[in-house]
């Protein structure tokens, strides 16, 4: 399968119909989804694949600077 067929399957999944306008059956939708996912795993970098979730990263070892907590007495208000 080439990139052009991948794009057409992806478009069919997004719209729910084939390029000729006929609707996808549930079985066709399942097969198209499996083909798109499998092709993406083999040919695309992770951030372009279906279902990719960017989990981010920490900037350093410490997330936040610690700050002391000051308690206020009810009498001093």
PDB file of N, CA and C in Angstrom:
ATOM      1  N   UNK A   1       0.858  -1.175   0.000  1.00  0.00           N
ATOM      2  CA  UNK A   1       0.000   0.000   0.000  1.00  0.00           C
ATOM      3  C   UNK A   1       0.901   1.233   0.000  1.00  0.00           C
ATOM      4  N   UNK A   2       0.578   2.183  -0.835  1.00  0.00           N
ATOM      5  CA  UNK A   2       1.354   3.405  -0.919  1.00  0.00           C
ATOM      6  C   UNK A   2       0.718   4.537  -0.137  1.00  0.00           C
ATOM      7  N   UNK A   3       1.407   5.671  -0.031  1.00  0.00           N
ATOM      8  CA  UNK A   3       0.882   6.811   0.709  1.00  0.00           C
ATOM      9  C   UNK A   3      -0.441   7.348   0.158  1.00  0.00           C
ATOM     10  N   UNK A   4      -0.643   7.238  -1.149  1.00  0.00           N
ATOM     11  CA  UNK A   4      -1.902   7.729  -1.729  1.00  0.00           C
ATOM     12  C   UNK A   4      -3.102   6.911  -1.258  1.00  0.00           C
ATOM     13  N   UNK A   5      -2.954   5.595  -1.195  1.00  0.00           N
ATOM     14  CA  UNK A   5      -4.036   4.745  -0.706  1.00  0.00           C
ATOM     15  C   UNK A   5      -4.252   4.966   0.793  1.00  0.00           C
ATOM     16  N   UNK A   6      -3.166   5.139   1.530  1.00  0.00           N
ATOM     17  CA  UNK A   6      -3.252   5.451   2.970  1.00  0.00           C
ATOM     18  C   UNK A   6      -4.092   6.718   3.168  1.00  0.00           C
ATOM     19  N   UNK A   7      -3.797   7.768   2.395  1.00  0.00           N
ATOM     20  CA  UNK A   7      -4.543   9.028   2.510  1.00  0.00           C
ATOM     21  C   UNK A   7      -6.016   8.853   2.174  1.00  0.00           C
ATOM     22  N   UNK A   8      -6.320   8.046   1.149  1.00  0.00           N
ATOM     23  CA  UNK A   8      -7.720   7.809   0.776  1.00  0.00           C
ATOM     24  C   UNK A   8      -8.461   7.029   1.869  1.00  0.00           C
ATOM     25  N   UNK A   9      -7.781   6.037   2.452  1.00  0.00           N
ATOM     26  CA  UNK A   9      -8.411   5.290   3.551  1.00  0.00           C
ATOM     27  C   UNK A   9      -8.633   6.191   4.759  1.00  0.00           C
ATOM     28  N   UNK A  10      -7.661   7.031   5.053  1.00  0.00           N
ATOM     29  CA  UNK A  10      -7.784   7.962   6.168  1.00  0.00           C
ATOM     30  C   UNK A  10      -8.952   8.927   5.944  1.00  0.00           C
ATOM     31  N   UNK A  11      -9.081   9.426   4.726  1.00  0.00           N
ATOM     32  CA  UNK A  11     -10.194  10.316   4.387  1.00  0.00           C
ATOM     33  C   UNK A  11     -11.532   9.584   4.494  1.00  0.00           C
ATOM     34  N   UNK A  12     -11.571   8.332   4.036  1.00  0.00           N
ATOM     35  CA  UNK A  12     -12.804   7.543   4.131  1.00  0.00           C
ATOM     36  C   UNK A  12     -13.199   7.332   5.586  1.00  0.00           C
ATOM     37  N   UNK A  13     -12.225   7.087   6.448  1.00  0.00           N
ATOM     38  CA  UNK A  13     -12.526   6.920   7.868  1.00  0.00           C
ATOM     39  C   UNK A  13     -13.024   8.224   8.484  1.00  0.00           C
ATOM     40  N   UNK A  14     -12.439   9.338   8.066  1.00  0.00           N
ATOM     41  CA  UNK A  14     -12.827  10.632   8.624  1.00  0.00           C
ATOM     42  C   UNK A  14     -14.235  11.034   8.194  1.00  0.00           C
ATOM     43  N   UNK A  15     -14.599  10.730   6.943  1.00  0.00           N
ATOM     44  CA  UNK A  15     -15.901  11.167   6.429  1.00  0.00           C
ATOM     45  C   UNK A  15     -16.987  10.101   6.543  1.00  0.00           C
ATOM     46  N   UNK A  16     -16.566   8.838   6.668  1.00  0.00           N
ATOM     47  CA  UNK A  16     -17.539   7.756   6.735  1.00  0.00           C
ATOM     48  C   UNK A  16     -18.020   7.292   5.377  1.00  0.00           C
ATOM     49  N   UNK A  17     -17.340   7.759   4.321  1.00  0.00           N
ATOM     50  CA  UNK A  17     -17.735   7.329   2.975  1.00  0.00           C
ATOM     51  C   UNK A  17     -16.518   7.230   2.068  1.00  0.00           C
ATOM     52  N   UNK A  18     -16.675   6.400   1.040  1.00  0.00           N
ATOM     53  CA  UNK A  18     -15.626   6.217   0.047  1.00  0.00           C
ATOM     54  C   UNK A  18     -15.575   7.431  -0.859  1.00  0.00           C
ATOM     55  N   UNK A  19     -14.484   7.603  -1.619  1.00  0.00           N
ATOM     56  CA  UNK A  19     -14.397   8.759  -2.527  1.00  0.00           C
ATOM     57  C   UNK A  19     -15.566   8.874  -3.510  1.00  0.00           C
ATOM     58  N   UNK A  20     -16.214   7.747  -3.853  1.00  0.00           N
ATOM     59  CA  UNK A  20     -17.361   7.815  -4.776  1.00  0.00           C
ATOM     60  C   UNK A  20     -18.662   8.189  -4.062  1.00  0.00           C
ATOM     61  N   UNK A  21     -18.607   8.388  -2.745  1.00  0.00           N
ATOM     62  CA  UNK A  21     -19.780   8.820  -1.989  1.00  0.00           C
ATOM     63  C   UNK A  21     -20.541   7.716  -1.293  1.00  0.00           C
ATOM     64  N   UNK A  22     -20.226   6.447  -1.577  1.00  0.00           N
ATOM     65  CA  UNK A  22     -20.940   5.365  -0.898  1.00  0.00           C
ATOM     66  C   UNK A  22     -20.427   5.214   0.533  1.00  0.00           C
ATOM     67  N   UNK A  23     -21.329   4.909   1.462  1.00  0.00           N
ATOM     68  CA  UNK A  23     -20.928   4.825   2.871  1.00  0.00           C
ATOM     69  C   UNK A  23     -20.081   3.580   3.175  1.00  0.00           C
ATOM     70  N   UNK A  24     -19.219   3.708   4.174  1.00  0.00           N
ATOM     71  CA  UNK A  24     -18.441   2.566   4.663  1.00  0.00           C
ATOM     72  C   UNK A  24     -19.326   1.711   5.550  1.00  0.00           C
ATOM     73  N   UNK A  25     -19.254   0.409   5.382  1.00  0.00           N
ATOM     74  CA  UNK A  25     -19.952  -0.481   6.310  1.00  0.00           C
ATOM     75  C   UNK A  25     -19.088  -0.593   7.566  1.00  0.00           C
ATOM     76  N   UNK A  26     -19.652  -1.128   8.618  1.00  0.00           N
ATOM     77  CA  UNK A  26     -18.885  -1.312   9.852  1.00  0.00           C
ATOM     78  C   UNK A  26     -17.686  -2.229   9.610  1.00  0.00           C
ATOM     79  N   UNK A  27     -17.881  -3.260   8.797  1.00  0.00           N
ATOM     80  CA  UNK A  27     -16.792  -4.183   8.480  1.00  0.00           C
ATOM     81  C   UNK A  27     -15.694  -3.471   7.686  1.00  0.00           C
ATOM     82  N   UNK A  28     -16.086  -2.665   6.714  1.00  0.00           N
ATOM     83  CA  UNK A  28     -15.106  -1.911   5.930  1.00  0.00           C
ATOM     84  C   UNK A  28     -14.365  -0.907   6.813  1.00  0.00           C
ATOM     85  N   UNK A  29     -15.079  -0.271   7.709  1.00  0.00           N
ATOM     86  CA  UNK A  29     -14.455   0.686   8.625  1.00  0.00           C
ATOM     87  C   UNK A  29     -13.401  -0.013   9.479  1.00  0.00           C
ATOM     88  N   UNK A  30     -13.713  -1.185   9.981  1.00  0.00           N
ATOM     89  CA  UNK A  30     -12.756  -1.939  10.801  1.00  0.00           C
ATOM     90  C   UNK A  30     -11.518  -2.342  10.020  1.00  0.00           C
ATOM     91  N   UNK A  31     -11.719  -2.827   8.800  1.00  0.00           N
ATOM     92  CA  UNK A  31     -10.574  -3.220   7.965  1.00  0.00           C
ATOM     93  C   UNK A  31      -9.730  -2.012   7.575  1.00  0.00           C
ATOM     94  N   UNK A  32     -10.385  -0.918   7.219  1.00  0.00           N
ATOM     95  CA  UNK A  32      -9.651   0.300   6.846  1.00  0.00           C
ATOM     96  C   UNK A  32      -8.844   0.812   8.029  1.00  0.00           C
ATOM     97  N   UNK A  33      -9.431   0.765   9.211  1.00  0.00           N
ATOM     98  CA  UNK A  33      -8.736   1.226  10.406  1.00  0.00           C
ATOM     99  C   UNK A  33      -7.501   0.365  10.696  1.00  0.00           C
ATOM    100  N   UNK A  34      -7.646  -0.940  10.575  1.00  0.00           N
ATOM    101  CA  UNK A  34      -6.505  -1.835  10.786  1.00  0.00           C
ATOM    102  C   UNK A  34      -5.405  -1.554   9.769  1.00  0.00           C
ATOM    103  N   UNK A  35      -5.775  -1.321   8.516  1.00  0.00           N
ATOM    104  CA  UNK A  35      -4.782  -1.053   7.470  1.00  0.00           C
ATOM    105  C   UNK A  35      -4.062   0.265   7.723  1.00  0.00           C
ATOM    106  N   UNK A  36      -4.798   1.293   8.119  1.00  0.00           N
ATOM    107  CA  UNK A  36      -4.204   2.607   8.383  1.00  0.00           C
ATOM    108  C   UNK A  36      -3.241   2.534   9.565  1.00  0.00           C
ATOM    109  N   UNK A  37      -3.632   1.857  10.618  1.00  0.00           N
ATOM    110  CA  UNK A  37      -2.773   1.730  11.799  1.00  0.00           C
ATOM    111  C   UNK A  37      -1.518   0.935  11.463  1.00  0.00           C
ATOM    112  N   UNK A  38      -1.672  -0.183  10.770  1.00  0.00           N
ATOM    113  CA  UNK A  38      -0.522  -1.026  10.421  1.00  0.00           C
ATOM    114  C   UNK A  38       0.443  -0.285   9.494  1.00  0.00           C
ATOM    115  N   UNK A  39      -0.082   0.412   8.480  1.00  0.00           N
ATOM    116  CA  UNK A  39       0.775   1.139   7.556  1.00  0.00           C
ATOM    117  C   UNK A  39       1.527   2.250   8.281  1.00  0.00           C
ATOM    118  N   UNK A  40       0.835   2.934   9.179  1.00  0.00           N
ATOM    119  CA  UNK A  40       1.466   4.004   9.955  1.00  0.00           C
ATOM    120  C   UNK A  40       2.594   3.489  10.828  1.00  0.00           C
ATOM    121  N   UNK A  41       2.395   2.336  11.445  1.00  0.00           N
ATOM    122  CA  UNK A  41       3.443   1.742  12.284  1.00  0.00           C
ATOM    123  C   UNK A  41       4.700   1.440  11.487  1.00  0.00           C
ATOM    124  N   UNK A  42       4.527   1.043  10.238  1.00  0.00           N
ATOM    125  CA  UNK A  42       5.669   0.670   9.401  1.00  0.00           C
ATOM    126  C   UNK A  42       6.311   1.852   8.685  1.00  0.00           C
ATOM    127  N   UNK A  43       5.562   2.909   8.425  1.00  0.00           N
ATOM    128  CA  UNK A  43       6.046   3.954   7.526  1.00  0.00           C
ATOM    129  C   UNK A  43       6.088   5.368   8.084  1.00  0.00           C
ATOM    130  N   UNK A  44       5.526   5.605   9.237  1.00  0.00           N
ATOM    131  CA  UNK A  44       5.469   6.967   9.762  1.00  0.00           C
ATOM    132  C   UNK A  44       6.239   7.095  11.069  1.00  0.00           C
ATOM    133  N   UNK A  45       6.783   8.286  11.348  1.00  0.00           N
ATOM    134  CA  UNK A  45       7.394   8.509  12.661  1.00  0.00           C
ATOM    135  C   UNK A  45       6.292   8.496  13.731  1.00  0.00           C
ATOM    136  N   UNK A  46       6.628   8.178  14.955  1.00  0.00           N
ATOM    137  CA  UNK A  46       5.610   8.032  16.010  1.00  0.00           C
ATOM    138  C   UNK A  46       4.658   9.213  16.139  1.00  0.00           C
ATOM    139  N   UNK A  47       5.148  10.442  16.019  1.00  0.00           N
ATOM    140  CA  UNK A  47       4.277  11.605  16.227  1.00  0.00           C
ATOM    141  C   UNK A  47       3.267  11.819  15.105  1.00  0.00           C
ATOM    142  N   UNK A  48       3.389  11.100  13.997  1.00  0.00           N
ATOM    143  CA  UNK A  48       2.431  11.224  12.891  1.00  0.00           C
ATOM    144  C   UNK A  48       1.470  10.040  12.815  1.00  0.00           C
ATOM    145  N   UNK A  49       1.614   9.072  13.693  1.00  0.00           N
ATOM    146  CA  UNK A  49       0.771   7.878  13.650  1.00  0.00           C
ATOM    147  C   UNK A  49      -0.591   8.128  14.279  1.00  0.00           C
ATOM    148  N   UNK A  50      -1.553   7.317  13.861  1.00  0.00           N
ATOM    149  CA  UNK A  50      -2.893   7.364  14.431  1.00  0.00           C
ATOM    150  C   UNK A  50      -2.804   6.990  15.911  1.00  0.00           C
ATOM    151  N   UNK A  51      -3.440   7.779  16.760  1.00  0.00           N
ATOM    152  CA  UNK A  51      -3.481   7.479  18.179  1.00  0.00           C
ATOM    153  C   UNK A  51      -2.294   7.980  18.973  1.00  0.00           C
ATOM    154  N   UNK A  52      -1.377   8.724  18.349  1.00  0.00           N
ATOM    155  CA  UNK A  52      -0.204   9.222  19.068  1.00  0.00           C
ATOM    156  C   UNK A  52      -0.620  10.223  20.130  1.00  0.00           C
ATOM    157  N   UNK A  53      -0.052  10.083  21.315  1.00  0.00           N
ATOM    158  CA  UNK A  53      -0.295  11.015  22.405  1.00  0.00           C
ATOM    159  C   UNK A  53       1.046  11.578  22.838  1.00  0.00           C
ATOM    160  N   UNK A  54       1.190  12.897  22.760  1.00  0.00           N
ATOM    161  CA  UNK A  54       2.425  13.549  23.183  1.00  0.00           C
ATOM    162  C   UNK A  54       2.416  13.635  24.705  1.00  0.00           C
ATOM    163  N   UNK A  55       3.300  12.902  25.336  1.00  0.00           N
ATOM    164  CA  UNK A  55       3.354  12.875  26.792  1.00  0.00           C
ATOM    165  C   UNK A  55       4.265  13.949  27.357  1.00  0.00           C
ATOM    166  N   UNK A  56       4.938  14.696  26.480  1.00  0.00           N
ATOM    167  CA  UNK A  56       5.797  15.776  26.946  1.00  0.00           C
ATOM    168  C   UNK A  56       7.015  15.243  27.677  1.00  0.00           C
ATOM    169  N   UNK A  57       7.743  16.138  28.270  1.00  0.00           N
ATOM    170  CA  UNK A  57       8.922  15.763  29.044  1.00  0.00           C
ATOM    171  C   UNK A  57       9.205  16.842  30.077  1.00  0.00           C
ATOM    172  N   UNK A  58       9.941  16.446  31.112  1.00  0.00           N
ATOM    173  CA  UNK A  58      10.317  17.395  32.141  1.00  0.00           C
ATOM    174  C   UNK A  58      11.477  18.250  31.639  1.00  0.00           C
ATOM    175  N   UNK A  59      11.493  19.506  32.053  1.00  0.00           N
ATOM    176  CA  UNK A  59      12.568  20.407  31.647  1.00  0.00           C
ATOM    177  C   UNK A  59      13.860  20.099  32.409  1.00  0.00           C
ATOM    178  N   UNK A  60      13.742  19.580  33.603  1.00  0.00           N
ATOM    179  CA  UNK A  60      14.920  19.277  34.409  1.00  0.00           C
ATOM    180  C   UNK A  60      14.583  18.244  35.456  1.00  0.00           C
ATOM    181  N   UNK A  61      15.457  18.101  36.434  1.00  0.00           N
ATOM    182  CA  UNK A  61      15.230  17.117  37.495  1.00  0.00           C
ATOM    183  C   UNK A  61      14.220  17.592  38.528  1.00  0.00           C
ATOM    184  N   UNK A  62      14.138  18.899  38.728  1.00  0.00           N
ATOM    185  CA  UNK A  62      13.231  19.454  39.727  1.00  0.00           C
ATOM    186  C   UNK A  62      12.064  20.114  39.005  1.00  0.00           C
ATOM    187  N   UNK A  63      10.853  19.720  39.349  1.00  0.00           N
ATOM    188  CA  UNK A  63       9.677  20.280  38.682  1.00  0.00           C
ATOM    189  C   UNK A  63       9.365  21.687  39.172  1.00  0.00           C
ATOM    190  N   UNK A  64       9.346  21.879  40.478  1.00  0.00           N
ATOM    191  CA  UNK A  64       8.999  23.176  41.061  1.00  0.00           C
ATOM    192  C   UNK A  64       9.959  23.499  42.195  1.00  0.00           C
ATOM    193  N   UNK A  65      10.177  24.789  42.392  1.00  0.00           N
ATOM    194  CA  UNK A  65      10.957  25.228  43.544  1.00  0.00           C
ATOM    195  C   UNK A  65      10.078  25.068  44.782  1.00  0.00           C
ATOM    196  N   UNK A  66      10.664  24.622  45.866  1.00  0.00           N
ATOM    197  CA  UNK A  66       9.890  24.494  47.100  1.00  0.00           C
ATOM    198  C   UNK A  66       9.726  25.857  47.740  1.00  0.00           C
ATOM    199  N   UNK A  67       8.553  26.103  48.292  1.00  0.00           N
ATOM    200  CA  UNK A  67       8.277  27.362  48.971  1.00  0.00           C
ATOM    201  C   UNK A  67       7.668  27.039  50.325  1.00  0.00           C
ATOM    202  N   UNK A  68       8.100  27.752  51.372  1.00  0.00           N
ATOM    203  CA  UNK A  68       7.552  27.483  52.704  1.00  0.00           C
ATOM    204  C   UNK A  68       6.087  27.914  52.790  1.00  0.00           C
ATOM    205  N   UNK A  69       5.345  27.233  53.631  1.00  0.00           N
ATOM    206  CA  UNK A  69       3.946  27.555  53.870  1.00  0.00           C
ATOM    207  C   UNK A  69       3.870  28.330  55.177  1.00  0.00           C
ATOM    208  N   UNK A  70       3.176  29.452  55.171  1.00  0.00           N
ATOM    209  CA  UNK A  70       3.016  30.264  56.374  1.00  0.00           C
ATOM    210  C   UNK A  70       1.573  30.161  56.832  1.00  0.00           C
ATOM    211  N   UNK A  71       1.374  29.705  58.075  1.00  0.00           N
ATOM    212  CA  UNK A  71       0.036  29.569  58.639  1.00  0.00           C
ATOM    213  C   UNK A  71      -0.331  30.859  59.354  1.00  0.00           C
ATOM    214  N   UNK A  72      -1.536  31.313  59.188  1.00  0.00           N
ATOM    215  CA  UNK A  72      -2.006  32.510  59.856  1.00  0.00           C
ATOM    216  C   UNK A  72      -2.863  32.094  61.049  1.00  0.00           C
ATOM    217  N   UNK A  73      -2.592  32.720  62.191  1.00  0.00           N
ATOM    218  CA  UNK A  73      -3.424  32.479  63.372  1.00  0.00           C
ATOM    219  C   UNK A  73      -4.698  33.301  63.217  1.00  0.00           C
ATOM    220  N   UNK A  74      -5.792  32.761  63.712  1.00  0.00           N
ATOM    221  CA  UNK A  74      -7.065  33.467  63.641  1.00  0.00           C
ATOM    222  C   UNK A  74      -6.997  34.760  64.446  1.00  0.00           C
ATOM    223  N   UNK A  75      -6.219  34.795  65.539  1.00  0.00           N
ATOM    224  CA  UNK A  75      -6.144  35.962  66.403  1.00  0.00           C
ATOM    225  C   UNK A  75      -5.403  37.132  65.742  1.00  0.00           C
ATOM    226  N   UNK A  76      -4.476  36.854  64.852  1.00  0.00           N
ATOM    227  CA  UNK A  76      -3.652  37.907  64.245  1.00  0.00           C
ATOM    228  C   UNK A  76      -4.333  38.578  63.061  1.00  0.00           C
ATOM    229  N   UNK A  77      -5.481  38.095  62.604  1.00  0.00           N
ATOM    230  CA  UNK A  77      -6.159  38.652  61.441  1.00  0.00           C
ATOM    231  C   UNK A  77      -6.721  39.977  61.718  1.00  0.00           C
TER     232      UNK A  77
END
